[in-house]
Amino acid sequence: MPSMDLNSDLGEGFGRWTLGDDERMLAIVTSANVACGFHAGDPATIRRTVQGAVARGVALGAHVGYRDLAGFGRRNMDVPSDELEADVVYQVGALKGLAAAEGGTVTYVKPHGALYNTAAVDERVATAVAVAVAAVDPSLVMLGLPGSAALSAAGAAGLRTAAEAFADRAYTPEGRLVPRREPGAVLHDPDDVARRMLRLVTEGVVVAVDGTVVPVQADSICVHGDSPDAVAMAERIRAVFDAEGVRLAPFALGLPASRAAAPGTPGG
C-alpha cells in the first residue's frame, strides 16, 4: 500500500485575527507546519495549535520565516547570515518549548514564504537555515523542494531531508512552482487537486501548466492553510487517498536515520 504525508501551514492567526481553519485542518492532515511568531502567530495562538496537533497525533514542524509580520513573510529580505541563523534558532526553540509544555515534540522544520523560496536557490541562505536547525537539534528533518539548495545544505549539515510537493500550486515544465504573481499559479478546484495528487503518489508525476508531464519527488504534500479552499481540498485529497488505498502517515516518523540529501541531488 503506498503511503503519503499531508501537511498544512497552521497557527498563522495573530491576536484577535484568525487565518485559516486550524481545527478542521488538524482533523485531516498528518503534519502541521506551525508558525513560530515571525511571519505570523502569537504565543497563545501557537500554543492552541500545538494542543490541537498533539491531541490528534499530528506531527509538529517549525514553520520558520523572515521577521515580517506585515508582509506575512512573503517579502524578500536581505538578512546577514549570522542574524538569520539567530532568527531560525529563536523560532525553532520557541516552538520546541511550547510543544514540550503540551507533551509534544517538534520533528521537522519547513521554511515559510520568501525564506522557503530564497533558500531553495540561494546557497548562503540555505546554509544559514540548515546550520541553525542543526545547532538546535540535529535530529530534526528539513522539509523542502526536491533538488533545492535548502535540502542540499541540510544534508551537508547532517540533517535528514524530505521532499515536498504542493497540492494547490501549479508547476512549470522544469518542475518548479509557478510564481504566485502569475495567473493560474494557485489552484482551487478540490476534485482536480485530488486527482493530481493521486497521480503524484501512484506515478510520481504532475501535469505542468503547459500540459507536459513532469516527474516530482515527494515525501509530503502541502495544502496551504490560508487558502479559502484549503479545508475542501484537504478533505477531498484524504477521501480520494482513502478510497484508493493510499495510507496517510507523518513523513518524519518514517525516514531512516541516515537519510540526507547530497549536494546536487534531488531531495533526500
Protein backbone atom coordinates (compact mmCIF):
# COMPACT_ATOMS: atom_id res chain seq x y z
CA MET A 1 0.00 0.00 0.00
CA PRO A 2 1.52 3.39 -0.95
CA SER A 3 1.79 5.98 1.81
CA MET A 4 1.99 9.76 1.87
CA ASP A 5 2.08 12.61 4.36
CA LEU A 6 -0.32 15.55 4.12
CA ASN A 7 0.88 18.81 5.69
CA SER A 8 -0.51 22.30 6.12
CA ASP A 9 0.69 25.69 7.39
CA LEU A 10 -1.16 26.34 10.64
CA GLY A 11 -1.11 28.62 13.70
CA GLU A 12 -0.98 31.65 11.42
CA GLY A 13 -3.53 33.80 13.21
CA PHE A 14 -2.41 36.73 15.33
CA GLY A 15 -4.14 38.02 18.44
CA ARG A 16 -7.82 38.54 17.67
CA TRP A 17 -7.31 37.88 13.92
CA THR A 18 -7.92 34.35 12.67
CA LEU A 19 -6.38 32.96 9.49
CA GLY A 20 -7.48 29.58 8.20
CA ASP A 21 -9.43 26.87 10.00
CA ASP A 22 -6.82 25.10 12.10
CA GLU A 23 -9.30 22.94 13.97
CA ARG A 24 -10.75 21.39 10.81
CA MET A 25 -7.37 21.05 9.13
CA LEU A 26 -5.91 19.25 12.13
CA ALA A 27 -8.61 16.61 11.74
CA ILE A 28 -7.39 15.93 8.18
CA VAL A 29 -3.62 16.42 7.90
CA THR A 30 -0.84 14.27 9.34
CA SER A 31 1.77 17.03 9.78
CA ALA A 32 1.35 20.64 10.92
CA ASN A 33 3.80 23.37 9.90
CA VAL A 34 3.29 25.68 12.86
CA ALA A 35 4.08 29.39 12.57
CA CYS A 36 6.75 30.49 15.03
CA GLY A 37 5.85 34.15 15.55
CA PHE A 38 7.96 35.88 12.90
CA HIS A 39 5.67 35.82 9.85
CA ALA A 40 2.51 35.02 11.84
CA GLY A 41 1.35 33.53 15.13
CA ASP A 42 1.46 34.78 18.69
CA PRO A 43 2.31 32.57 21.69
CA ALA A 44 -1.33 31.84 22.61
CA THR A 45 -2.32 31.04 19.02
CA ILE A 46 0.72 28.83 18.53
CA ARG A 47 0.06 27.01 21.78
CA ARG A 48 -3.57 26.30 20.83
CA THR A 49 -2.40 24.90 17.52
CA VAL A 50 0.14 22.70 19.27
CA GLN A 51 -2.52 21.47 21.69
CA GLY A 52 -4.79 20.50 18.81
CA ALA A 53 -2.00 18.73 16.96
CA VAL A 54 -0.85 16.77 20.00
CA ALA A 55 -4.43 15.72 20.79
CA ARG A 56 -4.88 14.32 17.27
CA GLY A 57 -1.44 12.74 16.86
CA VAL A 58 -0.42 15.20 14.14
CA ALA A 59 3.34 15.67 13.71
CA LEU A 60 4.72 19.11 14.62
CA GLY A 61 7.03 21.11 12.36
CA ALA A 62 8.57 24.55 12.91
CA HIS A 63 7.44 26.89 10.11
CA VAL A 64 10.24 29.44 10.32
CA GLY A 65 10.27 32.67 8.32
CA TYR A 66 11.69 36.12 7.92
CA ARG A 67 10.81 38.70 10.58
CA ASP A 68 7.93 40.09 8.54
CA LEU A 69 4.53 40.18 10.22
CA ALA A 70 3.26 42.98 7.97
CA GLY A 71 4.11 41.10 4.80
CA PHE A 72 3.20 37.64 6.11
CA GLY A 73 6.76 36.55 5.48
CA ARG A 74 6.34 36.76 1.71
CA ARG A 75 8.60 39.76 1.10
CA ASN A 76 12.19 39.17 0.05
CA MET A 77 14.71 40.31 2.65
CA ASP A 78 18.49 40.54 2.69
CA VAL A 79 19.35 39.29 6.19
CA PRO A 80 23.02 38.71 7.15
CA SER A 81 23.83 35.06 7.78
CA ASP A 82 24.54 35.45 11.50
CA GLU A 83 21.24 37.26 12.05
CA LEU A 84 19.31 34.73 10.01
CA GLU A 85 20.86 31.86 11.96
CA ALA A 86 19.86 33.53 15.23
CA ASP A 87 16.32 34.15 13.95
CA VAL A 88 15.89 30.49 12.96
CA VAL A 89 17.35 29.23 16.25
CA TYR A 90 14.95 31.53 18.13
CA GLN A 91 11.89 30.33 16.20
CA VAL A 92 12.66 26.62 16.42
CA GLY A 93 13.45 26.98 20.11
CA ALA A 94 10.17 28.80 20.76
CA LEU A 95 8.10 26.06 19.16
CA LYS A 96 10.06 23.32 20.91
CA GLY A 97 9.30 25.00 24.23
CA LEU A 98 5.58 25.34 23.52
CA ALA A 99 5.46 21.75 22.24
CA ALA A 100 7.19 20.43 25.36
CA ALA A 101 4.66 22.26 27.53
CA GLU A 102 1.87 20.33 25.81
CA GLY A 103 3.60 16.95 25.79
CA GLY A 104 4.55 17.17 22.11
CA THR A 105 7.77 17.02 20.11
CA VAL A 106 8.91 19.04 17.11
CA THR A 107 10.12 16.61 14.45
CA TYR A 108 10.91 18.76 11.42
CA VAL A 109 11.45 22.28 10.06
CA LYS A 110 9.95 23.90 6.97
CA PRO A 111 10.85 27.47 5.99
CA HIS A 112 7.96 29.77 5.07
CA GLY A 113 7.21 32.03 2.14
CA ALA A 114 10.09 34.17 0.93
CA LEU A 115 12.57 32.31 3.12
CA TYR A 116 11.44 29.00 1.61
CA ASN A 117 11.78 30.32 -1.94
CA THR A 118 15.14 32.00 -1.33
CA ALA A 119 16.64 29.03 0.49
CA ALA A 120 15.62 26.85 -2.46
CA VAL A 121 18.07 28.66 -4.76
CA ASP A 122 20.48 30.69 -2.59
CA GLU A 123 23.25 28.59 -1.03
CA ARG A 124 24.15 31.24 1.58
CA VAL A 125 20.61 31.47 2.89
CA ALA A 126 20.13 27.71 2.68
CA THR A 127 23.30 27.12 4.67
CA ALA A 128 22.33 29.64 7.35
CA VAL A 129 18.98 27.93 7.86
CA ALA A 130 20.48 24.43 7.90
CA VAL A 131 23.29 25.35 10.30
CA ALA A 132 20.78 26.96 12.68
CA VAL A 133 18.47 23.95 12.67
CA ALA A 134 21.32 21.52 13.23
CA ALA A 135 22.61 23.65 16.10
CA VAL A 136 19.25 23.43 17.89
CA ASP A 137 18.52 19.76 17.24
CA PRO A 138 20.36 17.60 14.67
CA SER A 139 17.57 15.01 14.80
CA LEU A 140 15.15 17.40 13.06
CA VAL A 141 14.19 16.78 9.43
CA MET A 142 14.33 19.57 6.83
CA LEU A 143 11.31 19.69 4.53
CA GLY A 144 11.70 21.46 1.18
CA LEU A 145 11.60 21.38 -2.59
CA PRO A 146 13.27 18.38 -4.24
CA GLY A 147 16.60 19.30 -5.79
CA SER A 148 16.77 22.57 -3.85
CA ALA A 149 19.74 24.29 -2.24
CA ALA A 150 17.82 24.07 1.03
CA LEU A 151 17.88 20.27 1.05
CA SER A 152 21.46 20.07 -0.17
CA ALA A 153 22.60 22.40 2.63
CA ALA A 154 20.58 20.44 5.17
CA GLY A 155 22.22 17.20 4.05
CA ALA A 156 25.65 18.80 4.29
CA ALA A 157 24.79 19.89 7.84
CA GLY A 158 23.96 16.29 8.76
CA LEU A 159 20.19 16.70 8.80
CA ARG A 160 17.75 14.22 7.34
CA THR A 161 15.70 15.66 4.49
CA ALA A 162 12.28 15.20 2.96
CA ALA A 163 10.95 16.43 -0.39
CA GLU A 164 7.66 18.27 -0.68
CA ALA A 165 5.03 18.74 -3.37
CA PHE A 166 2.24 21.32 -3.38
CA ALA A 167 -1.35 20.31 -3.96
CA ASP A 168 -2.65 23.82 -4.53
CA ARG A 169 0.14 25.21 -6.73
CA ALA A 170 0.81 24.93 -10.45
CA TYR A 171 4.15 23.62 -11.72
CA THR A 172 6.43 24.80 -14.53
CA PRO A 173 7.80 22.36 -17.13
CA GLU A 174 11.05 22.42 -15.13
CA GLY A 175 9.29 21.07 -12.03
CA ARG A 176 9.33 24.38 -10.15
CA LEU A 177 6.37 26.26 -8.70
CA VAL A 178 4.72 28.88 -10.88
CA PRO A 179 5.29 32.25 -9.11
CA ARG A 180 2.22 33.43 -7.20
CA ARG A 181 2.08 36.69 -9.18
CA GLU A 182 1.37 34.79 -12.41
CA PRO A 183 -2.18 33.79 -13.47
CA GLY A 184 -3.10 30.21 -12.63
CA ALA A 185 -0.33 29.82 -10.05
CA VAL A 186 -2.77 28.85 -7.29
CA LEU A 187 -5.24 26.00 -7.80
CA HIS A 188 -8.70 25.96 -6.25
CA ASP A 189 -10.75 23.00 -7.53
CA PRO A 190 -10.75 20.20 -4.90
CA ASP A 191 -11.53 17.42 -7.38
CA ASP A 192 -8.79 18.47 -9.79
CA VAL A 193 -6.29 18.89 -6.97
CA ALA A 194 -7.12 15.46 -5.54
CA ARG A 195 -6.71 13.77 -8.94
CA ARG A 196 -3.35 15.50 -9.43
CA MET A 197 -2.09 14.36 -6.05
CA LEU A 198 -3.26 10.77 -6.55
CA ARG A 199 -1.28 10.67 -9.78
CA LEU A 200 1.71 12.11 -7.94
CA VAL A 201 1.57 9.32 -5.36
CA THR A 202 0.94 6.49 -7.81
CA GLU A 203 3.05 7.64 -10.78
CA GLY A 204 5.45 10.25 -9.36
CA VAL A 205 4.39 12.96 -11.82
CA VAL A 206 2.31 16.14 -12.11
CA VAL A 207 0.98 17.92 -15.19
CA ALA A 208 2.71 21.29 -15.69
CA VAL A 209 0.99 24.49 -16.85
CA ASP A 210 1.92 23.78 -20.48
CA GLY A 211 0.45 20.27 -20.35
CA THR A 212 3.74 18.39 -20.11
CA VAL A 213 4.11 15.59 -17.58
CA VAL A 214 6.82 16.38 -15.03
CA PRO A 215 8.42 13.97 -12.54
CA VAL A 216 8.15 15.28 -8.96
CA GLN A 217 9.61 13.58 -5.90
CA ALA A 218 7.57 13.92 -2.71
CA ASP A 219 7.57 12.54 0.81
CA SER A 220 4.85 15.02 1.79
CA ILE A 221 2.08 17.03 0.13
CA CYS A 222 1.25 20.56 1.28
CA VAL A 223 -2.13 22.28 1.26
CA HIS A 224 -1.66 25.93 2.25
CA GLY A 225 -3.81 26.60 5.31
CA ASP A 226 -4.52 30.25 4.41
CA SER A 227 -6.22 29.38 1.11
CA PRO A 228 -10.03 29.88 1.13
CA ASP A 229 -10.37 26.38 -0.36
CA ALA A 230 -7.85 24.71 1.97
CA VAL A 231 -10.22 22.56 4.00
CA ALA A 232 -12.22 21.42 0.97
CA MET A 233 -9.04 20.47 -0.90
CA ALA A 234 -7.52 18.64 2.06
CA GLU A 235 -10.77 16.76 2.71
CA ARG A 236 -11.03 15.73 -0.93
CA ILE A 237 -7.42 14.59 -1.12
CA ARG A 238 -7.87 12.49 2.00
CA ALA A 239 -11.13 10.99 0.72
CA VAL A 240 -9.58 10.05 -2.63
CA PHE A 241 -6.49 8.61 -0.96
CA ASP A 242 -8.63 6.55 1.41
CA ALA A 243 -10.73 5.24 -1.48
CA GLU A 244 -7.63 4.29 -3.49
CA GLY A 245 -5.78 2.65 -0.61
CA VAL A 246 -3.16 5.36 -0.06
CA ARG A 247 -2.16 5.38 3.60
CA LEU A 248 -1.59 8.77 5.24
CA ALA A 249 1.18 8.96 7.85
CA PRO A 250 3.64 11.62 9.13
CA PHE A 251 6.72 11.61 6.89
CA ALA A 252 9.16 12.49 9.68
CA LEU A 253 8.41 9.28 11.57
CA GLY A 254 9.26 7.01 8.65
CA LEU A 255 12.58 8.37 7.39
CA PRO A 256 15.71 6.31 8.04
CA ALA A 257 18.21 7.84 10.44
CA SER A 258 20.84 8.19 7.71
CA ARG A 259 18.70 9.93 5.12
CA ALA A 260 20.31 13.14 3.91
CA ALA A 261 20.47 14.94 0.59
CA ALA A 262 23.87 15.07 -1.04
CA PRO A 263 24.71 18.35 -2.81
CA GLY A 264 23.25 18.45 -6.30
CA THR A 265 20.86 15.54 -5.85
CA PRO A 266 17.06 15.83 -5.89
CA GLY A 267 15.64 15.75 -2.41
CA GLY A 268 16.73 13.28 0.16
